Amino acid sequence: MPKPSDLLQGTLDLLILKTIAGKPLHGWGIAKRIQLLSGDALAVGQGSLYPALHRLENQGWITATWEESDLGRRAKVYSVTRDGRKQLERELKTWRRLSSAVGLLIRNA
């Protein structure tokens, strides 16, 4: 099985926002869900994930609350704010435009 790819610069925010848009999750849950939904093609390490979560929280795009995990421990659970949903839509629009352009280049080069 191939090694998980490094994320393209700038896509981590999009992946985090999209992942928690449907269901609030703690950090480990976010990383695992991204890995699962990508078919193990993407892996987000703690060294990238937690700084991104802090940045998104500081920008007001996500919020965090302390909750009890399934294992009985306290975990910080992240959810998307109204502003975060607006940012997610902007990021999705940008991603679609970029991926379409790359697709065109690959087909026509």
PDB file of N, CA and C in Angstrom:
ATOM      1  N   MET A   1       0.846  -1.175   0.000  1.00  0.00           N
ATOM      2  CA  MET A   1       0.000   0.000   0.000  1.00  0.00           C
ATOM      3  C   MET A   1       0.891   1.237   0.000  1.00  0.00           C
ATOM      4  N   PRO A   2       0.548   2.239  -0.815  1.00  0.00           N
ATOM      5  CA  PRO A   2       1.382   3.446  -0.865  1.00  0.00           C
ATOM      6  C   PRO A   2       1.349   4.230   0.432  1.00  0.00           C
ATOM      7  N   LYS A   3       2.412   4.944   0.653  1.00  0.00           N
ATOM      8  CA  LYS A   3       2.529   5.814   1.821  1.00  0.00           C
ATOM      9  C   LYS A   3       1.538   6.972   1.685  1.00  0.00           C
ATOM     10  N   PRO A   4       0.852   7.376   2.778  1.00  0.00           N
ATOM     11  CA  PRO A   4      -0.070   8.509   2.682  1.00  0.00           C
ATOM     12  C   PRO A   4       0.644   9.751   2.155  1.00  0.00           C
ATOM     13  N   SER A   5      -0.028  10.447   1.272  1.00  0.00           N
ATOM     14  CA  SER A   5       0.555  11.633   0.635  1.00  0.00           C
ATOM     15  C   SER A   5       0.571  12.815   1.579  1.00  0.00           C
ATOM     16  N   ASP A   6       1.545  13.680   1.357  1.00  0.00           N
ATOM     17  CA  ASP A   6       1.532  14.948   2.060  1.00  0.00           C
ATOM     18  C   ASP A   6       0.382  15.769   1.492  1.00  0.00           C
ATOM     19  N   LEU A   7      -0.252  16.544   2.343  1.00  0.00           N
ATOM     20  CA  LEU A   7      -1.353  17.379   1.885  1.00  0.00           C
ATOM     21  C   LEU A   7      -0.837  18.539   1.061  1.00  0.00           C
ATOM     22  N   LEU A   8      -1.562  18.871   0.023  1.00  0.00           N
ATOM     23  CA  LEU A   8      -1.233  20.076  -0.722  1.00  0.00           C
ATOM     24  C   LEU A   8      -1.349  21.260   0.212  1.00  0.00           C
ATOM     25  N   GLN A   9      -0.437  22.183   0.075  1.00  0.00           N
ATOM     26  CA  GLN A   9      -0.468  23.365   0.919  1.00  0.00           C
ATOM     27  C   GLN A   9      -1.813  24.068   0.771  1.00  0.00           C
ATOM     28  N   GLY A  10      -2.418  24.415   1.886  1.00  0.00           N
ATOM     29  CA  GLY A  10      -3.676  25.142   1.849  1.00  0.00           C
ATOM     30  C   GLY A  10      -4.914  24.267   1.878  1.00  0.00           C
ATOM     31  N   THR A  11      -4.773  22.947   1.782  1.00  0.00           N
ATOM     32  CA  THR A  11      -5.958  22.094   1.776  1.00  0.00           C
ATOM     33  C   THR A  11      -6.358  21.605   3.164  1.00  0.00           C
ATOM     34  N   LEU A  12      -5.475  21.716   4.126  1.00  0.00           N
ATOM     35  CA  LEU A  12      -5.780  21.199   5.458  1.00  0.00           C
ATOM     36  C   LEU A  12      -6.972  21.914   6.073  1.00  0.00           C
ATOM     37  N   ASP A  13      -7.039  23.228   5.949  1.00  0.00           N
ATOM     38  CA  ASP A  13      -8.181  23.963   6.500  1.00  0.00           C
ATOM     39  C   ASP A  13      -9.480  23.462   5.885  1.00  0.00           C
ATOM     40  N   LEU A  14      -9.489  23.288   4.586  1.00  0.00           N
ATOM     41  CA  LEU A  14     -10.664  22.786   3.885  1.00  0.00           C
ATOM     42  C   LEU A  14     -11.062  21.412   4.410  1.00  0.00           C
ATOM     43  N   LEU A  15     -10.087  20.519   4.539  1.00  0.00           N
ATOM     44  CA  LEU A  15     -10.382  19.164   5.001  1.00  0.00           C
ATOM     45  C   LEU A  15     -10.928  19.151   6.425  1.00  0.00           C
ATOM     46  N   ILE A  16     -10.364  19.966   7.290  1.00  0.00           N
ATOM     47  CA  ILE A  16     -10.846  20.025   8.673  1.00  0.00           C
ATOM     48  C   ILE A  16     -12.265  20.575   8.711  1.00  0.00           C
ATOM     49  N   LEU A  17     -12.493  21.697   8.036  1.00  0.00           N
ATOM     50  CA  LEU A  17     -13.827  22.307   8.044  1.00  0.00           C
ATOM     51  C   LEU A  17     -14.868  21.343   7.485  1.00  0.00           C
ATOM     52  N   LYS A  18     -14.552  20.683   6.386  1.00  0.00           N
ATOM     53  CA  LYS A  18     -15.490  19.744   5.768  1.00  0.00           C
ATOM     54  C   LYS A  18     -15.749  18.560   6.681  1.00  0.00           C
ATOM     55  N   THR A  19     -14.709  18.078   7.337  1.00  0.00           N
ATOM     56  CA  THR A  19     -14.832  16.909   8.205  1.00  0.00           C
ATOM     57  C   THR A  19     -15.739  17.169   9.399  1.00  0.00           C
ATOM     58  N   ILE A  20     -15.643  18.352   9.987  1.00  0.00           N
ATOM     59  CA  ILE A  20     -16.461  18.622  11.179  1.00  0.00           C
ATOM     60  C   ILE A  20     -17.743  19.387  10.863  1.00  0.00           C
ATOM     61  N   ALA A  21     -17.980  19.687   9.595  1.00  0.00           N
ATOM     62  CA  ALA A  21     -19.212  20.401   9.230  1.00  0.00           C
ATOM     63  C   ALA A  21     -20.447  19.562   9.549  1.00  0.00           C
ATOM     64  N   GLY A  22     -20.340  18.262   9.396  1.00  0.00           N
ATOM     65  CA  GLY A  22     -21.480  17.394   9.658  1.00  0.00           C
ATOM     66  C   GLY A  22     -21.580  16.930  11.095  1.00  0.00           C
ATOM     67  N   LYS A  23     -20.441  16.775  11.757  1.00  0.00           N
ATOM     68  CA  LYS A  23     -20.440  16.233  13.115  1.00  0.00           C
ATOM     69  C   LYS A  23     -19.218  16.741  13.869  1.00  0.00           C
ATOM     70  N   PRO A  24     -19.412  17.369  15.011  1.00  0.00           N
ATOM     71  CA  PRO A  24     -18.269  17.805  15.824  1.00  0.00           C
ATOM     72  C   PRO A  24     -17.415  16.596  16.230  1.00  0.00           C
ATOM     73  N   LEU A  25     -16.106  16.794  16.222  1.00  0.00           N
ATOM     74  CA  LEU A  25     -15.171  15.722  16.566  1.00  0.00           C
ATOM     75  C   LEU A  25     -13.992  16.283  17.346  1.00  0.00           C
ATOM     76  N   HIS A  26     -13.314  15.404  18.085  1.00  0.00           N
ATOM     77  CA  HIS A  26     -12.059  15.791  18.734  1.00  0.00           C
ATOM     78  C   HIS A  26     -10.927  15.610  17.729  1.00  0.00           C
ATOM     79  N   GLY A  27      -9.755  16.103  18.059  1.00  0.00           N
ATOM     80  CA  GLY A  27      -8.637  16.114  17.130  1.00  0.00           C
ATOM     81  C   GLY A  27      -8.302  14.762  16.545  1.00  0.00           C
ATOM     82  N   TRP A  28      -8.182  13.748  17.392  1.00  0.00           N
ATOM     83  CA  TRP A  28      -7.854  12.410  16.905  1.00  0.00           C
ATOM     84  C   TRP A  28      -8.941  11.916  15.961  1.00  0.00           C
ATOM     85  N   GLY A  29     -10.210  12.207  16.299  1.00  0.00           N
ATOM     86  CA  GLY A  29     -11.331  11.805  15.447  1.00  0.00           C
ATOM     87  C   GLY A  29     -11.284  12.473  14.087  1.00  0.00           C
ATOM     88  N   ILE A  30     -10.868  13.739  14.052  1.00  0.00           N
ATOM     89  CA  ILE A  30     -10.741  14.463  12.782  1.00  0.00           C
ATOM     90  C   ILE A  30      -9.679  13.788  11.912  1.00  0.00           C
ATOM     91  N   ALA A  31      -8.528  13.522  12.496  1.00  0.00           N
ATOM     92  CA  ALA A  31      -7.437  12.888  11.746  1.00  0.00           C
ATOM     93  C   ALA A  31      -7.857  11.517  11.226  1.00  0.00           C
ATOM     94  N   LYS A  32      -8.508  10.715  12.063  1.00  0.00           N
ATOM     95  CA  LYS A  32      -8.933   9.377  11.669  1.00  0.00           C
ATOM     96  C   LYS A  32      -9.996   9.430  10.574  1.00  0.00           C
ATOM     97  N   ARG A  33     -10.920  10.376  10.683  1.00  0.00           N
ATOM     98  CA  ARG A  33     -11.990  10.486   9.671  1.00  0.00           C
ATOM     99  C   ARG A  33     -11.411  10.898   8.318  1.00  0.00           C
ATOM    100  N   ILE A  34     -10.470  11.834   8.312  1.00  0.00           N
ATOM    101  CA  ILE A  34      -9.823  12.226   7.056  1.00  0.00           C
ATOM    102  C   ILE A  34      -9.116  11.021   6.443  1.00  0.00           C
ATOM    103  N   GLN A  35      -8.411  10.262   7.252  1.00  0.00           N
ATOM    104  CA  GLN A  35      -7.706   9.084   6.765  1.00  0.00           C
ATOM    105  C   GLN A  35      -8.699   8.046   6.226  1.00  0.00           C
ATOM    106  N   LEU A  36      -9.769   7.797   6.956  1.00  0.00           N
ATOM    107  CA  LEU A  36     -10.768   6.810   6.551  1.00  0.00           C
ATOM    108  C   LEU A  36     -11.462   7.215   5.253  1.00  0.00           C
ATOM    109  N   LEU A  37     -11.943   8.444   5.194  1.00  0.00           N
ATOM    110  CA  LEU A  37     -12.698   8.889   4.019  1.00  0.00           C
ATOM    111  C   LEU A  37     -11.826   9.032   2.779  1.00  0.00           C
ATOM    112  N   SER A  38     -10.520   9.180   2.965  1.00  0.00           N
ATOM    113  CA  SER A  38      -9.612   9.270   1.815  1.00  0.00           C
ATOM    114  C   SER A  38      -9.081   7.899   1.407  1.00  0.00           C
ATOM    115  N   GLY A  39      -9.576   6.850   2.019  1.00  0.00           N
ATOM    116  CA  GLY A  39      -9.082   5.509   1.705  1.00  0.00           C
ATOM    117  C   GLY A  39      -7.623   5.331   2.078  1.00  0.00           C
ATOM    118  N   ASP A  40      -7.228   5.928   3.182  1.00  0.00           N
ATOM    119  CA  ASP A  40      -5.842   5.887   3.686  1.00  0.00           C
ATOM    120  C   ASP A  40      -4.854   6.642   2.802  1.00  0.00           C
ATOM    121  N   ALA A  41      -5.349   7.445   1.865  1.00  0.00           N
ATOM    122  CA  ALA A  41      -4.455   8.211   0.994  1.00  0.00           C
ATOM    123  C   ALA A  41      -3.926   9.454   1.697  1.00  0.00           C
ATOM    124  N   LEU A  42      -4.665   9.962   2.672  1.00  0.00           N
ATOM    125  CA  LEU A  42      -4.254  11.170   3.396  1.00  0.00           C
ATOM    126  C   LEU A  42      -4.105  10.859   4.872  1.00  0.00           C
ATOM    127  N   ALA A  43      -3.043  11.355   5.444  1.00  0.00           N
ATOM    128  CA  ALA A  43      -2.817  11.225   6.880  1.00  0.00           C
ATOM    129  C   ALA A  43      -2.407  12.596   7.405  1.00  0.00           C
ATOM    130  N   VAL A  44      -3.054  13.025   8.463  1.00  0.00           N
ATOM    131  CA  VAL A  44      -2.745  14.321   9.063  1.00  0.00           C
ATOM    132  C   VAL A  44      -2.074  14.064  10.405  1.00  0.00           C
ATOM    133  N   GLY A  45      -0.836  14.478  10.518  1.00  0.00           N
ATOM    134  CA  GLY A  45      -0.098  14.302  11.761  1.00  0.00           C
ATOM    135  C   GLY A  45      -0.468  15.358  12.792  1.00  0.00           C
ATOM    136  N   GLN A  46      -0.208  15.028  14.050  1.00  0.00           N
ATOM    137  CA  GLN A  46      -0.512  15.963  15.139  1.00  0.00           C
ATOM    138  C   GLN A  46       0.210  17.288  14.971  1.00  0.00           C
ATOM    139  N   GLY A  47       1.418  17.238  14.431  1.00  0.00           N
ATOM    140  CA  GLY A  47       2.211  18.448  14.249  1.00  0.00           C
ATOM    141  C   GLY A  47       1.606  19.414  13.244  1.00  0.00           C
ATOM    142  N   SER A  48       0.728  18.928  12.383  1.00  0.00           N
ATOM    143  CA  SER A  48       0.008  19.774  11.435  1.00  0.00           C
ATOM    144  C   SER A  48      -1.408  20.060  11.910  1.00  0.00           C
ATOM    145  N   LEU A  49      -2.051  19.030  12.463  1.00  0.00           N
ATOM    146  CA  LEU A  49      -3.457  19.138  12.831  1.00  0.00           C
ATOM    147  C   LEU A  49      -3.710  20.166  13.927  1.00  0.00           C
ATOM    148  N   TYR A  50      -3.000  20.056  15.044  1.00  0.00           N
ATOM    149  CA  TYR A  50      -3.324  20.922  16.178  1.00  0.00           C
ATOM    150  C   TYR A  50      -2.997  22.398  15.934  1.00  0.00           C
ATOM    151  N   PRO A  51      -1.892  22.721  15.271  1.00  0.00           N
ATOM    152  CA  PRO A  51      -1.700  24.135  14.920  1.00  0.00           C
ATOM    153  C   PRO A  51      -2.805  24.649  13.993  1.00  0.00           C
ATOM    154  N   ALA A  52      -3.268  23.804  13.069  1.00  0.00           N
ATOM    155  CA  ALA A  52      -4.353  24.213  12.174  1.00  0.00           C
ATOM    156  C   ALA A  52      -5.645  24.430  12.960  1.00  0.00           C
ATOM    157  N   LEU A  53      -5.938  23.548  13.907  1.00  0.00           N
ATOM    158  CA  LEU A  53      -7.141  23.708  14.726  1.00  0.00           C
ATOM    159  C   LEU A  53      -7.075  25.008  15.531  1.00  0.00           C
ATOM    160  N   HIS A  54      -5.929  25.303  16.101  1.00  0.00           N
ATOM    161  CA  HIS A  54      -5.769  26.553  16.858  1.00  0.00           C
ATOM    162  C   HIS A  54      -5.942  27.765  15.941  1.00  0.00           C
ATOM    163  N   ARG A  55      -5.374  27.688  14.760  1.00  0.00           N
ATOM    164  CA  ARG A  55      -5.495  28.794  13.796  1.00  0.00           C
ATOM    165  C   ARG A  55      -6.951  29.004  13.390  1.00  0.00           C
ATOM    166  N   LEU A  56      -7.656  27.920  13.083  1.00  0.00           N
ATOM    167  CA  LEU A  56      -9.061  28.018  12.691  1.00  0.00           C
ATOM    168  C   LEU A  56      -9.916  28.562  13.838  1.00  0.00           C
ATOM    169  N   GLU A  57      -9.584  28.153  15.057  1.00  0.00           N
ATOM    170  CA  GLU A  57     -10.303  28.656  16.224  1.00  0.00           C
ATOM    171  C   GLU A  57     -10.047  30.148  16.414  1.00  0.00           C
ATOM    172  N   ASN A  58      -8.802  30.587  16.256  1.00  0.00           N
ATOM    173  CA  ASN A  58      -8.466  32.011  16.387  1.00  0.00           C
ATOM    174  C   ASN A  58      -9.136  32.856  15.318  1.00  0.00           C
ATOM    175  N   GLN A  59      -9.366  32.264  14.132  1.00  0.00           N
ATOM    176  CA  GLN A  59     -10.034  32.982  13.057  1.00  0.00           C
ATOM    177  C   GLN A  59     -11.555  33.007  13.228  1.00  0.00           C
ATOM    178  N   GLY A  60     -12.051  32.268  14.206  1.00  0.00           N
ATOM    179  CA  GLY A  60     -13.484  32.238  14.456  1.00  0.00           C
ATOM    180  C   GLY A  60     -14.245  31.286  13.556  1.00  0.00           C
ATOM    181  N   TRP A  61     -13.527  30.385  12.873  1.00  0.00           N
ATOM    182  CA  TRP A  61     -14.179  29.455  11.950  1.00  0.00           C
ATOM    183  C   TRP A  61     -14.600  28.154  12.616  1.00  0.00           C
ATOM    184  N   ILE A  62     -13.986  27.843  13.763  1.00  0.00           N
ATOM    185  CA  ILE A  62     -14.403  26.692  14.553  1.00  0.00           C
ATOM    186  C   ILE A  62     -14.455  27.112  16.017  1.00  0.00           C
ATOM    187  N   THR A  63     -15.154  26.335  16.779  1.00  0.00           N
ATOM    188  CA  THR A  63     -15.201  26.548  18.217  1.00  0.00           C
ATOM    189  C   THR A  63     -14.903  25.220  18.897  1.00  0.00           C
ATOM    190  N   ALA A  64     -14.417  25.278  20.112  1.00  0.00           N
ATOM    191  CA  ALA A  64     -14.055  24.062  20.835  1.00  0.00           C
ATOM    192  C   ALA A  64     -14.707  24.054  22.208  1.00  0.00           C
ATOM    193  N   THR A  65     -15.171  22.878  22.601  1.00  0.00           N
ATOM    194  CA  THR A  65     -15.714  22.684  23.941  1.00  0.00           C
ATOM    195  C   THR A  65     -15.119  21.406  24.517  1.00  0.00           C
ATOM    196  N   TRP A  66     -14.973  21.394  25.828  1.00  0.00           N
ATOM    197  CA  TRP A  66     -14.478  20.195  26.494  1.00  0.00           C
ATOM    198  C   TRP A  66     -15.660  19.278  26.766  1.00  0.00           C
ATOM    199  N   GLU A  67     -15.523  18.031  26.324  1.00  0.00           N
ATOM    200  CA  GLU A  67     -16.568  17.023  26.543  1.00  0.00           C
ATOM    201  C   GLU A  67     -15.910  15.724  26.974  1.00  0.00           C
ATOM    202  N   GLU A  68     -16.719  14.830  27.523  1.00  0.00           N
ATOM    203  CA  GLU A  68     -16.202  13.532  27.917  1.00  0.00           C
ATOM    204  C   GLU A  68     -16.190  12.619  26.696  1.00  0.00           C
ATOM    205  N   SER A  69     -15.058  11.959  26.452  1.00  0.00           N
ATOM    206  CA  SER A  69     -14.926  11.063  25.300  1.00  0.00           C
ATOM    207  C   SER A  69     -15.570   9.715  25.607  1.00  0.00           C
ATOM    208  N   ASP A  70     -15.609   8.862  24.585  1.00  0.00           N
ATOM    209  CA  ASP A  70     -16.146   7.510  24.749  1.00  0.00           C
ATOM    210  C   ASP A  70     -15.349   6.716  25.777  1.00  0.00           C
ATOM    211  N   LEU A  71     -14.098   7.094  25.966  1.00  0.00           N
ATOM    212  CA  LEU A  71     -13.234   6.387  26.914  1.00  0.00           C
ATOM    213  C   LEU A  71     -13.306   6.986  28.322  1.00  0.00           C
ATOM    214  N   GLY A  72     -14.184   7.973  28.515  1.00  0.00           N
ATOM    215  CA  GLY A  72     -14.337   8.578  29.825  1.00  0.00           C
ATOM    216  C   GLY A  72     -13.344   9.683  30.133  1.00  0.00           C
ATOM    217  N   ARG A  73     -12.557  10.072  29.152  1.00  0.00           N
ATOM    218  CA  ARG A  73     -11.600  11.165  29.346  1.00  0.00           C
ATOM    219  C   ARG A  73     -12.142  12.436  28.726  1.00  0.00           C
ATOM    220  N   ARG A  74     -11.668  13.562  29.242  1.00  0.00           N
ATOM    221  CA  ARG A  74     -12.081  14.842  28.661  1.00  0.00           C
ATOM    222  C   ARG A  74     -11.322  15.060  27.352  1.00  0.00           C
ATOM    223  N   ALA A  75     -12.065  15.520  26.345  1.00  0.00           N
ATOM    224  CA  ALA A  75     -11.461  15.785  25.045  1.00  0.00           C
ATOM    225  C   ALA A  75     -12.040  17.085  24.505  1.00  0.00           C
ATOM    226  N   LYS A  76     -11.212  17.827  23.810  1.00  0.00           N
ATOM    227  CA  LYS A  76     -11.645  19.069  23.182  1.00  0.00           C
ATOM    228  C   LYS A  76     -12.332  18.712  21.869  1.00  0.00           C
ATOM    229  N   VAL A  77     -13.613  19.064  21.760  1.00  0.00           N
ATOM    230  CA  VAL A  77     -14.404  18.727  20.579  1.00  0.00           C
ATOM    231  C   VAL A  77     -14.613  19.996  19.759  1.00  0.00           C
ATOM    232  N   TYR A  78     -14.339  19.884  18.467  1.00  0.00           N
ATOM    233  CA  TYR A  78     -14.380  21.038  17.566  1.00  0.00           C
ATOM    234  C   TYR A  78     -15.624  20.989  16.685  1.00  0.00           C
ATOM    235  N   SER A  79     -16.228  22.152  16.486  1.00  0.00           N
ATOM    236  CA  SER A  79     -17.369  22.269  15.582  1.00  0.00           C
ATOM    237  C   SER A  79     -17.222  23.553  14.766  1.00  0.00           C
ATOM    238  N   VAL A  80     -17.908  23.592  13.631  1.00  0.00           N
ATOM    239  CA  VAL A  80     -17.817  24.720  12.707  1.00  0.00           C
ATOM    240  C   VAL A  80     -18.791  25.811  13.134  1.00  0.00           C
ATOM    241  N   THR A  81     -18.349  27.055  13.082  1.00  0.00           N
ATOM    242  CA  THR A  81     -19.204  28.208  13.372  1.00  0.00           C
ATOM    243  C   THR A  81     -19.910  28.660  12.091  1.00  0.00           C
ATOM    244  N   ARG A  82     -20.793  29.610  12.222  1.00  0.00           N
ATOM    245  CA  ARG A  82     -21.468  30.182  11.052  1.00  0.00           C
ATOM    246  C   ARG A  82     -20.438  30.774  10.078  1.00  0.00           C
ATOM    247  N   ASP A  83     -19.487  31.531  10.625  1.00  0.00           N
ATOM    248  CA  ASP A  83     -18.422  32.083   9.776  1.00  0.00           C
ATOM    249  C   ASP A  83     -17.578  30.973   9.151  1.00  0.00           C
ATOM    250  N   GLY A  84     -17.388  29.890   9.891  1.00  0.00           N
ATOM    251  CA  GLY A  84     -16.639  28.753   9.374  1.00  0.00           C
ATOM    252  C   GLY A  84     -17.355  28.088   8.205  1.00  0.00           C
ATOM    253  N   ARG A  85     -18.680  28.031   8.253  1.00  0.00           N
ATOM    254  CA  ARG A  85     -19.453  27.460   7.140  1.00  0.00           C
ATOM    255  C   ARG A  85     -19.312  28.333   5.891  1.00  0.00           C
ATOM    256  N   LYS A  86     -19.300  29.642   6.096  1.00  0.00           N
ATOM    257  CA  LYS A  86     -19.092  30.557   4.964  1.00  0.00           C
ATOM    258  C   LYS A  86     -17.697  30.355   4.379  1.00  0.00           C
ATOM    259  N   GLN A  87     -16.698  30.207   5.262  1.00  0.00           N
ATOM    260  CA  GLN A  87     -15.330  29.973   4.803  1.00  0.00           C
ATOM    261  C   GLN A  87     -15.231  28.642   4.082  1.00  0.00           C
ATOM    262  N   LEU A  88     -15.908  27.634   4.582  1.00  0.00           N
ATOM    263  CA  LEU A  88     -15.914  26.327   3.931  1.00  0.00           C
ATOM    264  C   LEU A  88     -16.440  26.446   2.505  1.00  0.00           C
ATOM    265  N   GLU A  89     -17.508  27.187   2.313  1.00  0.00           N
ATOM    266  CA  GLU A  89     -18.052  27.377   0.962  1.00  0.00           C
ATOM    267  C   GLU A  89     -17.047  28.082   0.057  1.00  0.00           C
ATOM    268  N   ARG A  90     -16.363  29.087   0.588  1.00  0.00           N
ATOM    269  CA  ARG A  90     -15.329  29.774  -0.206  1.00  0.00           C
ATOM    270  C   ARG A  90     -14.204  28.814  -0.570  1.00  0.00           C
ATOM    271  N   GLU A  91     -13.770  28.018   0.408  1.00  0.00           N
ATOM    272  CA  GLU A  91     -12.671  27.082   0.165  1.00  0.00           C
ATOM    273  C   GLU A  91     -13.078  25.992  -0.828  1.00  0.00           C
ATOM    274  N   LEU A  92     -14.316  25.515  -0.743  1.00  0.00           N
ATOM    275  CA  LEU A  92     -14.800  24.519  -1.693  1.00  0.00           C
ATOM    276  C   LEU A  92     -14.835  25.083  -3.111  1.00  0.00           C
ATOM    277  N   LYS A  93     -15.276  26.309  -3.234  1.00  0.00           N
ATOM    278  CA  LYS A  93     -15.324  26.962  -4.547  1.00  0.00           C
ATOM    279  C   LYS A  93     -13.916  27.083  -5.134  1.00  0.00           C
ATOM    280  N   THR A  94     -12.972  27.501  -4.303  1.00  0.00           N
ATOM    281  CA  THR A  94     -11.583  27.621  -4.747  1.00  0.00           C
ATOM    282  C   THR A  94     -11.018  26.255  -5.128  1.00  0.00           C
ATOM    283  N   TRP A  95     -11.285  25.240  -4.310  1.00  0.00           N
ATOM    284  CA  TRP A  95     -10.778  23.891  -4.582  1.00  0.00           C
ATOM    285  C   TRP A  95     -11.347  23.361  -5.899  1.00  0.00           C
ATOM    286  N   ARG A  96     -12.636  23.548  -6.120  1.00  0.00           N
ATOM    287  CA  ARG A  96     -13.249  23.067  -7.364  1.00  0.00           C
ATOM    288  C   ARG A  96     -12.636  23.748  -8.581  1.00  0.00           C
ATOM    289  N   ARG A  97     -12.395  25.037  -8.474  1.00  0.00           N
ATOM    290  CA  ARG A  97     -11.788  25.780  -9.576  1.00  0.00           C
ATOM    291  C   ARG A  97     -10.362  25.275  -9.835  1.00  0.00           C
ATOM    292  N   LEU A  98      -9.588  25.081  -8.769  1.00  0.00           N
ATOM    293  CA  LEU A  98      -8.217  24.593  -8.901  1.00  0.00           C
ATOM    294  C   LEU A  98      -8.175  23.180  -9.464  1.00  0.00           C
ATOM    295  N   SER A  99      -8.991  22.282  -8.915  1.00  0.00           N
ATOM    296  CA  SER A  99      -8.951  20.897  -9.379  1.00  0.00           C
ATOM    297  C   SER A  99      -9.442  20.787 -10.821  1.00  0.00           C
ATOM    298  N   SER A 100     -10.380  21.620 -11.205  1.00  0.00           N
ATOM    299  CA  SER A 100     -10.841  21.648 -12.596  1.00  0.00           C
ATOM    300  C   SER A 100      -9.713  22.103 -13.524  1.00  0.00           C
ATOM    301  N   ALA A 101      -8.985  23.130 -13.119  1.00  0.00           N
ATOM    302  CA  ALA A 101      -7.882  23.640 -13.926  1.00  0.00           C
ATOM    303  C   ALA A 101      -6.771  22.599 -14.061  1.00  0.00           C
ATOM    304  N   VAL A 102      -6.449  21.902 -12.981  1.00  0.00           N
ATOM    305  CA  VAL A 102      -5.426  20.861 -13.032  1.00  0.00           C
ATOM    306  C   VAL A 102      -5.895  19.727 -13.944  1.00  0.00           C
ATOM    307  N   GLY A 103      -7.169  19.357 -13.836  1.00  0.00           N
ATOM    308  CA  GLY A 103      -7.725  18.325 -14.706  1.00  0.00           C
ATOM    309  C   GLY A 103      -7.614  18.705 -16.173  1.00  0.00           C
ATOM    310  N   LEU A 104      -7.916  19.952 -16.492  1.00  0.00           N
ATOM    311  CA  LEU A 104      -7.793  20.424 -17.866  1.00  0.00           C
ATOM    312  C   LEU A 104      -6.361  20.317 -18.359  1.00  0.00           C
ATOM    313  N   LEU A 105      -5.442  20.739 -17.530  1.00  0.00           N
ATOM    314  CA  LEU A 105      -4.037  20.688 -17.904  1.00  0.00           C
ATOM    315  C   LEU A 105      -3.588  19.257 -18.161  1.00  0.00           C
ATOM    316  N   ILE A 106      -3.984  18.341 -17.292  1.00  0.00           N
ATOM    317  CA  ILE A 106      -3.573  16.937 -17.437  1.00  0.00           C
ATOM    318  C   ILE A 106      -4.168  16.335 -18.706  1.00  0.00           C
ATOM    319  N   ARG A 107      -5.424  16.630 -18.991  1.00  0.00           N
ATOM    320  CA  ARG A 107      -6.079  16.075 -20.180  1.00  0.00           C
ATOM    321  C   ARG A 107      -5.522  16.659 -21.469  1.00  0.00           C
ATOM    322  N   ASN A 108      -5.099  17.923 -21.418  1.00  0.00           N
ATOM    323  CA  ASN A 108      -4.734  18.613 -22.648  1.00  0.00           C
ATOM    324  C   ASN A 108      -3.229  18.786 -22.854  1.00  0.00           C
ATOM    325  N   ALA A 109      -2.431  18.371 -21.920  1.00  0.00           N
ATOM    326  CA  ALA A 109      -0.975  18.571 -22.053  1.00  0.00           C
ATOM    327  C   ALA A 109      -0.353  17.509 -22.928  1.00  0.00           C
TER     328      ALA A 109
END
